[in-house]
Amino acid sequence: MSSAIMFKKKLYSINLLLIFGSVSCFCFIFFYVKQPNWAANSIPSSITGKTHLQSNSSDSPTTTKLLLFGLVGSEKAMHHRKDYIESWWRPNEFRGYLYLDKTPQGNLLPWSSASPPYRVSDDLTKFIKETHAYAPIMVRMVHAIMEIVRDERKGFRWLIMGDDDSIFFVDNMVDVLAKYDHTKYYYLGGPSECIITNYGFSFNMGFGGAGLIFSYPLAKALANDMEGCLRHYAHLHSADHITMVCIADIGVNLSPQKGLHQVDLRGNIAGFLSSHPKNLLMSLHHFDVVNPIFPSMNRFESSRHLMKAANADQSRLLQQTICYLRRHRWSISISWGYSVHIYEKIIPRSWLQNPIETFRRWGGSKMDPPRYFLFNTRAPSKESCEAPHIFFFDSVKKISKNSTLTSYIRSSPRKLPPCVLSADIVSHVDVYSPATKRIEIDRCECCDVTYADRTKRATVRFRECRPEEIIR
């Protein structure tokens, strides 16, 4: 009898456990699965292993608000360089500071609202004497990384450091950076265009005028080690080199970006800009050194003129598109928003992709032999079948919901006899492109040319290439 009672009690206990377990399971499913928005947030980050920064990584896209700019310049240079910054800076949208060596004076006051807010760099006199730093100016430039991270502790995903004579194309930056995980350690930059300059410093170094881009974790780690870094490498004489070796000590290497341009070039860089690699344009440096990039304009006017095209469609800016007018045997190369070249000969795309060497290397002279660059070039030619008719960007307008028109005008007569059929009469080229942004540039666009004989205007229409189309 007692055994039967005991059995019933055990059975009753098992039933209670089953009921309790079912209720617990139901509650877990209801509260944690059915209500993820608040239930998951109630779990401490120490348990989930996610930081606040990481939890936002998959929920919100990268925008301009999540980029932080640290620009470094001198008060003296700003009197004639601020127009470069103001050509691309968008007040109330972009975030960052311009670090100067001293308080602005003269015509810089009152400080322009079209410029980034300024900060005066920390006084490092005592530190520089103590460490016997070889290049005090370079120490100030590197130290600015720590200063901006200190001033803006959080709320950004990427830190972009640059010079006061650099032009940044921020919409393209956003699209490029969106492909990276900002919660990881990333050091993005571009090389010098000159082989000897990379050799002299490092082929694994980003050149700062083109822009150095650090993910938040790397920027924070670099800022935390700043004093130790500058003490350890006080003997170095380049800010970019110091930055690179300090980042290497953190265990991070450069991720090269072809759209960041140091522009270690001199003279006329039109040939370089007319054959841009198939990557989104992110920056151009040394505007204060190279020739004005548009005829009949000074450097400041040129930078603002280029930004007119950039503001219409940064994704196509300087992207090279090539097509042919067969019945005239013309090759037409378009660098969108900058130039159009018409050749009186059918020339393969593989050759037209090489920039015409209208420029010389940084520190070089006109007597230097060619092939000093990280890319192949073409020598300028006075042969009728090799020299292009050159047209420069004039205007841009959106003509419909789906189409944008850029117009290009002839810069000057070519003054050569015709190769086969002359293009001397052409004075304008109109280029119609889709109004949609191009982010994935795995393949160039194709184009079709229309031209009525003996008229002054040629028309080019961009389109996506057909699946198996050959550009030839």
Protein backbone atom coordinates (compact mmCIF):
# COMPACT_ATOMS: atom_id res chain seq x y z
CA MET A 1 0.00 0.00 0.00
CA SER A 2 2.82 2.41 0.94
CA SER A 3 4.61 1.57 -2.33
CA ALA A 4 1.54 2.57 -4.33
CA ILE A 5 1.28 5.86 -2.45
CA MET A 6 4.95 6.58 -3.03
CA PHE A 7 4.55 5.82 -6.74
CA LYS A 8 1.61 8.23 -7.00
CA LYS A 9 3.63 10.98 -5.26
CA LYS A 10 6.55 10.52 -7.68
CA LEU A 11 4.19 10.58 -10.65
CA TYR A 12 2.61 13.77 -9.31
CA SER A 13 6.06 15.38 -8.93
CA ILE A 14 7.04 14.44 -12.48
CA ASN A 15 3.81 15.97 -13.81
CA LEU A 16 4.53 19.18 -11.90
CA LEU A 17 8.04 19.34 -13.38
CA LEU A 18 6.68 18.79 -16.89
CA ILE A 19 4.07 21.52 -16.44
CA PHE A 20 6.65 23.93 -14.95
CA GLY A 21 9.08 23.19 -17.77
CA SER A 22 6.43 23.79 -20.42
CA VAL A 23 5.40 27.09 -18.85
CA SER A 24 9.06 28.20 -18.58
CA CYS A 25 9.71 27.29 -22.20
CA PHE A 26 6.60 29.19 -23.29
CA CYS A 27 7.64 32.26 -21.30
CA PHE A 28 11.14 32.20 -22.80
CA ILE A 29 9.78 31.97 -26.33
CA PHE A 30 7.22 34.69 -25.71
CA PHE A 31 9.48 37.20 -23.98
CA TYR A 32 12.79 36.65 -25.79
CA VAL A 33 11.79 35.50 -29.25
CA LYS A 34 8.51 37.30 -29.74
CA GLN A 35 9.82 40.55 -28.26
CA PRO A 36 13.42 40.91 -29.52
CA ASN A 37 13.51 44.70 -29.59
CA TRP A 38 13.46 45.12 -25.83
CA ALA A 39 14.20 41.70 -24.44
CA ALA A 40 17.56 41.35 -26.18
CA ASN A 41 18.56 44.81 -25.00
CA SER A 42 17.98 43.75 -21.41
CA ILE A 43 20.90 41.29 -21.66
CA PRO A 44 24.13 42.92 -20.47
CA SER A 45 26.79 43.47 -23.14
CA SER A 46 29.24 41.50 -21.02
CA ILE A 47 27.08 38.43 -21.57
CA THR A 48 26.31 38.91 -25.27
CA GLY A 49 29.88 39.94 -26.06
CA LYS A 50 28.64 42.85 -28.21
CA THR A 51 29.56 46.48 -27.72
CA HIS A 52 27.19 49.34 -28.49
CA LEU A 53 29.24 50.03 -31.61
CA GLN A 54 28.93 46.45 -32.80
CA SER A 55 25.20 46.26 -32.13
CA ASN A 56 24.68 49.19 -34.53
CA SER A 57 26.86 47.74 -37.26
CA SER A 58 24.17 45.66 -38.92
CA ASP A 59 21.23 47.91 -38.06
CA SER A 60 22.21 51.20 -39.65
CA PRO A 61 24.14 52.03 -42.84
CA THR A 62 27.30 54.11 -42.88
CA THR A 63 26.50 57.78 -43.56
CA THR A 64 28.42 61.06 -43.67
CA LYS A 65 27.38 61.64 -40.04
CA LEU A 66 29.48 58.64 -38.99
CA LEU A 67 32.67 59.99 -40.59
CA LEU A 68 34.98 62.21 -38.56
CA PHE A 69 37.51 64.47 -40.33
CA GLY A 70 40.77 65.63 -38.82
CA LEU A 71 42.44 68.15 -41.13
CA VAL A 72 45.89 69.51 -40.29
CA GLY A 73 47.24 72.79 -41.61
CA SER A 74 49.05 75.98 -40.71
CA GLU A 75 47.62 79.42 -40.03
CA LYS A 76 49.90 80.91 -42.70
CA ALA A 77 48.81 78.48 -45.44
CA MET A 78 45.11 78.81 -44.59
CA HIS A 79 45.06 82.38 -45.92
CA HIS A 80 45.29 80.99 -49.45
CA ARG A 81 44.14 77.37 -48.98
CA LYS A 82 40.80 77.66 -47.24
CA ASP A 83 39.01 77.80 -50.60
CA TYR A 84 40.12 74.22 -51.28
CA ILE A 85 38.49 72.98 -48.09
CA GLU A 86 35.36 75.05 -48.62
CA SER A 87 34.91 73.60 -52.11
CA TRP A 88 34.05 70.15 -50.65
CA TRP A 89 33.13 70.77 -47.00
CA ARG A 90 29.39 70.76 -46.17
CA PRO A 91 28.65 72.70 -42.99
CA ASN A 92 26.06 71.13 -40.66
CA GLU A 93 26.49 67.77 -42.42
CA PHE A 94 30.17 66.91 -42.09
CA ARG A 95 31.83 66.48 -38.74
CA GLY A 96 35.41 67.30 -37.81
CA TYR A 97 38.02 69.96 -37.08
CA LEU A 98 40.87 71.80 -38.76
CA TYR A 99 43.95 71.79 -36.49
CA LEU A 100 46.12 74.89 -36.87
CA ASP A 101 49.52 75.69 -35.39
CA LYS A 102 48.25 78.97 -33.93
CA THR A 103 45.14 81.10 -33.59
CA PRO A 104 43.92 82.43 -36.95
CA GLN A 105 44.49 86.13 -37.64
CA GLY A 106 43.89 88.81 -40.26
CA ASN A 107 41.46 88.01 -43.05
CA LEU A 108 40.72 84.60 -41.55
CA LEU A 109 38.62 86.40 -38.94
CA PRO A 110 35.77 86.24 -38.41
CA TRP A 111 36.13 82.51 -39.04
CA SER A 112 34.13 81.40 -42.08
CA SER A 113 31.06 79.26 -41.40
CA ALA A 114 31.79 77.51 -44.71
CA SER A 115 35.00 76.06 -43.23
CA PRO A 116 35.29 73.30 -40.64
CA PRO A 117 35.56 74.58 -37.05
CA TYR A 118 39.19 75.03 -36.05
CA ARG A 119 41.23 73.94 -33.07
CA VAL A 120 44.73 75.10 -32.11
CA SER A 121 47.03 72.09 -31.80
CA ASP A 122 48.32 71.14 -28.36
CA ASP A 123 51.53 72.83 -27.25
CA LEU A 124 54.14 70.07 -27.59
CA THR A 125 57.21 72.22 -26.94
CA LYS A 126 58.17 70.44 -23.72
CA PHE A 127 57.53 66.99 -25.18
CA ILE A 128 59.59 67.73 -28.30
CA LYS A 129 62.56 68.96 -26.23
CA GLU A 130 62.31 65.93 -23.98
CA THR A 131 62.26 63.42 -26.84
CA HIS A 132 64.68 65.32 -29.12
CA ALA A 133 62.18 64.84 -31.94
CA TYR A 134 63.82 65.08 -35.36
CA ALA A 135 60.81 66.75 -37.04
CA PRO A 136 58.61 68.76 -34.62
CA ILE A 137 56.08 69.71 -37.33
CA MET A 138 55.56 66.03 -38.14
CA VAL A 139 55.04 65.24 -34.46
CA ARG A 140 52.27 67.85 -34.34
CA MET A 141 50.58 66.30 -37.38
CA VAL A 142 50.59 62.78 -35.94
CA HIS A 143 49.57 64.01 -32.49
CA ALA A 144 46.42 65.49 -34.07
CA ILE A 145 45.06 61.93 -34.32
CA MET A 146 45.02 61.69 -30.53
CA GLU A 147 43.60 65.20 -30.18
CA ILE A 148 40.57 64.61 -32.37
CA VAL A 149 39.81 61.22 -30.79
CA ARG A 150 40.04 62.96 -27.40
CA ASP A 151 37.75 65.78 -28.54
CA GLU A 152 35.21 63.44 -30.19
CA ARG A 153 35.30 60.33 -28.01
CA LYS A 154 32.51 58.37 -29.66
CA GLY A 155 29.73 58.40 -32.19
CA PHE A 156 31.91 57.91 -35.28
CA ARG A 157 32.86 54.82 -37.27
CA TRP A 158 35.74 56.14 -39.39
CA LEU A 159 38.38 58.80 -38.78
CA ILE A 160 39.76 60.49 -41.91
CA MET A 161 42.97 62.52 -41.52
CA GLY A 162 43.97 64.88 -44.34
CA ASP A 163 45.80 68.05 -45.36
CA ASP A 164 44.47 71.54 -45.93
CA ASP A 165 45.13 71.34 -49.69
CA SER A 166 43.29 68.06 -50.21
CA ILE A 167 39.87 67.68 -51.82
CA PHE A 168 37.70 64.82 -50.59
CA PHE A 169 34.77 63.23 -52.37
CA VAL A 170 32.82 62.20 -49.32
CA ASP A 171 29.81 60.53 -50.93
CA ASN A 172 32.17 58.09 -52.63
CA MET A 173 34.02 57.60 -49.35
CA VAL A 174 30.78 56.56 -47.68
CA ASP A 175 30.06 54.01 -50.41
CA VAL A 176 33.56 52.54 -50.20
CA LEU A 177 33.66 52.42 -46.39
CA ALA A 178 30.22 50.83 -46.21
CA LYS A 179 31.82 47.66 -47.59
CA TYR A 180 34.13 47.37 -44.57
CA ASP A 181 33.31 46.28 -41.02
CA HIS A 182 34.01 49.38 -38.96
CA THR A 183 34.23 47.31 -35.77
CA LYS A 184 37.45 45.71 -37.06
CA TYR A 185 40.93 47.22 -37.27
CA TYR A 186 41.39 48.93 -40.64
CA TYR A 187 44.07 51.31 -41.96
CA LEU A 188 43.13 52.56 -45.43
CA GLY A 189 45.30 54.76 -47.62
CA GLY A 190 46.83 55.30 -51.02
CA PRO A 191 50.44 55.10 -52.25
CA SER A 192 52.47 57.80 -53.94
CA GLU A 193 52.24 57.78 -57.72
CA CYS A 194 56.05 57.75 -57.91
CA ILE A 195 58.00 54.52 -57.48
CA ILE A 196 61.00 56.24 -55.92
CA THR A 197 58.87 57.93 -53.22
CA ASN A 198 57.30 54.64 -52.16
CA TYR A 199 60.74 53.05 -52.18
CA GLY A 200 62.14 55.84 -50.01
CA PHE A 201 59.45 55.43 -47.34
CA SER A 202 57.45 52.22 -47.73
CA PHE A 203 55.23 50.47 -50.24
CA ASN A 204 53.03 49.57 -47.25
CA MET A 205 52.40 53.17 -46.20
CA GLY A 206 49.41 55.39 -46.84
CA PHE A 207 50.37 58.93 -47.92
CA GLY A 208 48.50 61.39 -45.73
CA GLY A 209 47.67 64.07 -48.26
CA ALA A 210 45.49 61.56 -50.06
CA GLY A 211 43.75 60.86 -46.75
CA LEU A 212 44.43 58.27 -44.07
CA ILE A 213 41.33 56.40 -42.92
CA PHE A 214 41.16 54.56 -39.59
CA SER A 215 38.30 52.46 -38.28
CA TYR A 216 37.11 53.41 -34.80
CA PRO A 217 38.93 50.59 -32.94
CA LEU A 218 42.21 51.44 -34.67
CA ALA A 219 41.83 55.18 -34.13
CA LYS A 220 41.20 54.55 -30.43
CA ALA A 221 44.17 52.18 -30.08
CA LEU A 222 46.46 54.61 -31.92
CA ALA A 223 45.32 57.52 -29.75
CA ASN A 224 45.88 55.53 -26.56
CA ASP A 225 49.46 54.73 -27.58
CA MET A 226 50.24 58.16 -29.00
CA GLU A 227 52.79 59.29 -26.42
CA GLY A 228 54.62 55.97 -26.47
CA CYS A 229 54.55 55.93 -30.27
CA LEU A 230 56.01 59.44 -30.61
CA ARG A 231 58.68 58.72 -28.04
CA HIS A 232 59.72 55.47 -29.67
CA TYR A 233 59.89 56.93 -33.20
CA ALA A 234 61.13 60.45 -32.40
CA HIS A 235 63.99 59.94 -34.89
CA LEU A 236 61.69 59.64 -37.94
CA HIS A 237 61.06 62.67 -40.15
CA SER A 238 57.76 61.91 -41.90
CA ALA A 239 54.30 62.08 -40.28
CA ASP A 240 52.96 59.36 -42.60
CA HIS A 241 55.92 57.10 -41.82
CA ILE A 242 55.52 57.58 -38.07
CA THR A 243 51.81 56.78 -38.37
CA MET A 244 52.50 53.64 -40.41
CA VAL A 245 55.08 52.18 -38.01
CA CYS A 246 52.92 52.92 -34.98
CA ILE A 247 49.99 51.15 -36.63
CA ALA A 248 52.27 48.23 -37.50
CA ASP A 249 53.08 47.95 -33.78
CA ILE A 250 49.35 47.54 -33.13
CA GLY A 251 49.37 44.62 -35.57
CA VAL A 252 47.59 46.28 -38.51
CA ASN A 253 48.76 46.69 -42.12
CA LEU A 254 47.66 48.99 -44.91
CA SER A 255 44.61 48.18 -47.03
CA PRO A 256 45.42 50.12 -50.26
CA GLN A 257 42.70 52.19 -51.93
CA LYS A 258 43.15 53.17 -55.60
CA GLY A 259 40.66 56.04 -55.30
CA LEU A 260 42.85 57.93 -52.80
CA HIS A 261 45.34 60.08 -54.72
CA GLN A 262 48.42 61.65 -53.17
CA VAL A 263 49.15 63.33 -56.55
CA ASP A 264 52.92 63.35 -56.12
CA LEU A 265 53.06 64.92 -59.57
CA ARG A 266 54.05 68.26 -61.01
CA GLY A 267 52.81 70.39 -63.86
CA ASN A 268 49.78 69.51 -65.99
CA ILE A 269 47.93 66.50 -64.54
CA ALA A 270 45.18 66.49 -67.20
CA GLY A 271 46.54 63.25 -68.66
CA PHE A 272 46.36 61.60 -65.23
CA LEU A 273 42.78 62.77 -64.55
CA SER A 274 41.60 61.71 -68.02
CA SER A 275 42.46 58.03 -67.46
CA HIS A 276 41.38 57.32 -63.91
CA PRO A 277 41.45 53.68 -62.71
CA LYS A 278 38.11 51.89 -62.45
CA ASN A 279 37.59 52.79 -58.78
CA LEU A 280 35.48 55.42 -57.03
CA LEU A 281 37.37 58.71 -56.72
CA MET A 282 37.88 59.51 -53.03
CA SER A 283 40.47 62.29 -52.93
CA LEU A 284 42.91 64.53 -54.81
CA HIS A 285 45.89 66.15 -53.12
CA HIS A 286 48.45 68.87 -53.94
CA PHE A 287 45.98 71.18 -55.68
CA ASP A 288 48.18 74.02 -54.48
CA VAL A 289 51.18 72.70 -56.44
CA VAL A 290 49.94 71.29 -59.76
CA ASN A 291 48.73 73.48 -62.62
CA PRO A 292 45.06 74.49 -62.59
CA ILE A 293 43.18 71.47 -63.94
CA PHE A 294 40.85 73.51 -66.18
CA PRO A 295 41.96 76.01 -68.85
CA SER A 296 41.26 79.71 -68.18
CA MET A 297 40.67 79.04 -64.46
CA ASN A 298 42.90 79.42 -61.43
CA ARG A 299 43.36 76.62 -58.90
CA PHE A 300 40.49 77.67 -56.64
CA GLU A 301 38.07 78.11 -59.55
CA SER A 302 39.15 74.71 -60.90
CA SER A 303 38.42 72.94 -57.61
CA ARG A 304 34.95 74.46 -57.40
CA HIS A 305 34.25 73.70 -61.06
CA LEU A 306 35.14 70.03 -60.57
CA MET A 307 32.82 69.92 -57.55
CA LYS A 308 29.91 70.98 -59.75
CA ALA A 309 30.18 67.64 -61.51
CA ALA A 310 30.89 65.86 -58.22
CA ASN A 311 27.74 67.26 -56.63
CA ALA A 312 25.70 65.93 -59.56
CA ASP A 313 27.13 62.37 -59.53
CA GLN A 314 30.25 61.45 -57.58
CA SER A 315 29.98 57.79 -58.53
CA ARG A 316 30.84 58.60 -62.19
CA LEU A 317 33.35 61.36 -61.53
CA LEU A 318 36.54 60.74 -63.62
CA GLN A 319 35.30 57.27 -64.55
CA GLN A 320 36.63 56.49 -68.02
CA THR A 321 34.19 55.28 -70.66
CA ILE A 322 35.36 54.50 -74.20
CA CYS A 323 33.37 54.00 -77.39
CA TYR A 324 33.87 54.20 -81.15
CA LEU A 325 32.33 55.96 -84.13
CA ARG A 326 33.13 53.32 -86.75
CA ARG A 327 32.14 55.14 -89.91
CA HIS A 328 34.57 57.95 -89.06
CA ARG A 329 37.12 55.65 -87.44
CA TRP A 330 37.09 57.78 -84.27
CA SER A 331 37.84 56.61 -80.74
CA ILE A 332 36.19 58.62 -77.98
CA SER A 333 37.37 58.51 -74.36
CA ILE A 334 35.25 60.25 -71.71
CA SER A 335 36.47 61.04 -68.21
CA TRP A 336 33.06 61.91 -66.79
CA GLY A 337 32.89 65.38 -65.30
CA TYR A 338 36.37 66.30 -66.53
CA SER A 339 37.32 65.72 -70.17
CA VAL A 340 36.60 64.11 -73.53
CA HIS A 341 39.31 62.97 -75.96
CA ILE A 342 38.55 62.27 -79.64
CA TYR A 343 41.17 60.30 -81.57
CA GLU A 344 41.03 60.06 -85.37
CA LYS A 345 41.90 56.38 -85.23
CA ILE A 346 40.49 53.19 -83.69
CA ILE A 347 42.65 52.62 -80.61
CA PRO A 348 42.13 49.68 -78.21
CA ARG A 349 40.68 50.41 -74.80
CA SER A 350 43.70 48.73 -73.17
CA TRP A 351 45.93 51.48 -74.59
CA LEU A 352 43.61 54.41 -73.92
CA GLN A 353 43.46 53.39 -70.26
CA ASN A 354 47.09 54.48 -69.87
CA PRO A 355 47.37 58.17 -68.94
CA ILE A 356 49.09 60.54 -71.35
CA GLU A 357 52.23 61.69 -69.56
CA THR A 358 51.46 65.39 -69.48
CA PHE A 359 52.95 65.55 -65.96
CA ARG A 360 56.29 64.87 -64.33
CA ARG A 361 57.18 63.20 -61.06
CA TRP A 362 57.35 64.97 -57.71
CA GLY A 363 60.79 66.56 -57.39
CA GLY A 364 61.62 65.72 -60.99
CA SER A 365 62.44 67.88 -63.98
CA LYS A 366 61.42 67.95 -67.62
CA MET A 367 64.67 66.15 -68.46
CA ASP A 368 63.74 63.07 -66.43
CA PRO A 369 63.25 59.84 -68.39
CA PRO A 370 59.73 58.37 -68.26
CA ARG A 371 58.46 55.33 -66.39
CA TYR A 372 58.91 56.65 -62.88
CA PHE A 373 55.31 55.84 -61.98
CA LEU A 374 53.31 53.01 -60.41
CA PHE A 375 51.16 52.88 -63.54
CA ASN A 376 51.84 52.64 -67.26
CA THR A 377 51.74 55.86 -69.26
CA ARG A 378 51.62 57.05 -72.87
CA ALA A 379 54.03 59.65 -74.19
CA PRO A 380 52.42 62.82 -75.59
CA SER A 381 52.33 62.71 -79.39
CA LYS A 382 52.19 65.19 -82.24
CA GLU A 383 51.22 62.53 -84.74
CA SER A 384 47.79 63.10 -86.27
CA CYS A 385 46.61 59.56 -85.58
CA GLU A 386 47.84 59.56 -81.95
CA ALA A 387 47.15 63.07 -80.58
CA PRO A 388 43.62 63.62 -79.28
CA HIS A 389 41.25 66.53 -79.73
CA ILE A 390 40.68 67.64 -76.11
CA PHE A 391 37.44 68.95 -74.61
CA PHE A 392 36.96 69.99 -70.97
CA PHE A 393 33.92 69.86 -68.72
CA ASP A 394 31.73 72.95 -69.06
CA SER A 395 28.35 72.32 -67.43
CA VAL A 396 26.04 69.72 -65.89
CA LYS A 397 22.30 69.55 -65.49
CA LYS A 398 19.67 66.96 -64.76
CA ILE A 399 17.38 66.95 -67.76
CA SER A 400 14.89 64.34 -66.55
CA LYS A 401 14.28 61.94 -63.70
CA ASN A 402 16.47 59.33 -65.41
CA SER A 403 19.13 61.33 -67.25
CA THR A 404 21.98 63.77 -66.60
CA LEU A 405 23.65 65.89 -69.28
CA THR A 406 27.29 66.96 -69.04
CA SER A 407 28.71 69.22 -71.73
CA TYR A 408 32.34 69.56 -72.78
CA ILE A 409 33.94 72.27 -74.91
CA ARG A 410 37.12 72.24 -76.99
CA SER A 411 40.06 73.70 -75.11
CA SER A 412 42.10 74.77 -78.16
CA PRO A 413 42.64 73.81 -81.82
CA ARG A 414 44.74 70.66 -82.29
CA LYS A 415 46.68 72.26 -85.19
CA LEU A 416 47.52 68.99 -86.95
CA PRO A 417 46.55 67.58 -90.34
CA PRO A 418 43.79 64.93 -90.30
CA CYS A 419 44.58 61.28 -89.81
CA VAL A 420 41.63 59.95 -91.83
CA LEU A 421 38.48 61.99 -91.21
CA SER A 422 39.14 65.22 -89.30
CA ALA A 423 37.34 66.08 -86.04
CA ASP A 424 38.53 69.69 -86.19
CA ILE A 425 35.02 71.02 -86.71
CA VAL A 426 33.69 69.51 -83.46
CA SER A 427 33.56 72.16 -80.73
CA HIS A 428 31.15 70.57 -78.24
CA VAL A 429 30.48 67.08 -76.92
CA ASP A 430 27.28 66.33 -75.01
CA VAL A 431 27.27 63.27 -72.76
CA TYR A 432 24.00 61.79 -71.50
CA SER A 433 24.34 59.44 -68.54
CA PRO A 434 21.79 57.64 -66.33
CA ALA A 435 20.85 59.54 -63.18
CA THR A 436 21.31 56.41 -61.08
CA LYS A 437 24.38 56.04 -58.87
CA ARG A 438 26.98 53.41 -59.78
CA ILE A 439 28.42 51.79 -56.65
CA GLU A 440 29.44 48.37 -57.94
CA ILE A 441 31.97 49.16 -60.66
CA ASP A 442 32.88 45.63 -61.69
CA ARG A 443 32.59 46.71 -65.32
CA CYS A 444 32.70 50.07 -67.08
CA GLU A 445 29.68 51.53 -68.81
CA CYS A 446 29.34 51.34 -72.57
CA CYS A 447 28.32 54.22 -74.81
CA ASP A 448 26.96 55.07 -78.25
CA VAL A 449 28.05 58.05 -80.37
CA THR A 450 25.92 60.03 -82.78
CA TYR A 451 27.36 62.71 -85.02
CA ALA A 452 26.00 64.43 -88.10
CA ASP A 453 28.72 65.22 -90.63
CA ARG A 454 30.06 68.78 -90.70
CA THR A 455 28.31 69.80 -87.48
CA LYS A 456 29.96 71.20 -84.39
CA ARG A 457 28.35 68.98 -81.77
CA ALA A 458 28.77 65.26 -81.04
CA THR A 459 26.51 63.32 -78.69
CA VAL A 460 27.42 60.37 -76.49
CA ARG A 461 24.91 58.27 -74.55
CA PHE A 462 25.97 56.04 -71.67
CA ARG A 463 24.33 52.69 -70.99
CA GLU A 464 25.10 49.44 -69.23
CA CYS A 465 27.10 47.06 -71.38
CA ARG A 466 25.25 44.06 -72.72
CA PRO A 467 26.17 40.73 -71.02
CA GLU A 468 28.66 39.59 -73.66
CA GLU A 469 29.40 42.92 -75.36
CA ILE A 470 32.95 43.48 -76.59
CA ILE A 471 34.27 47.07 -76.59
CA ARG A 472 36.30 47.05 -79.76
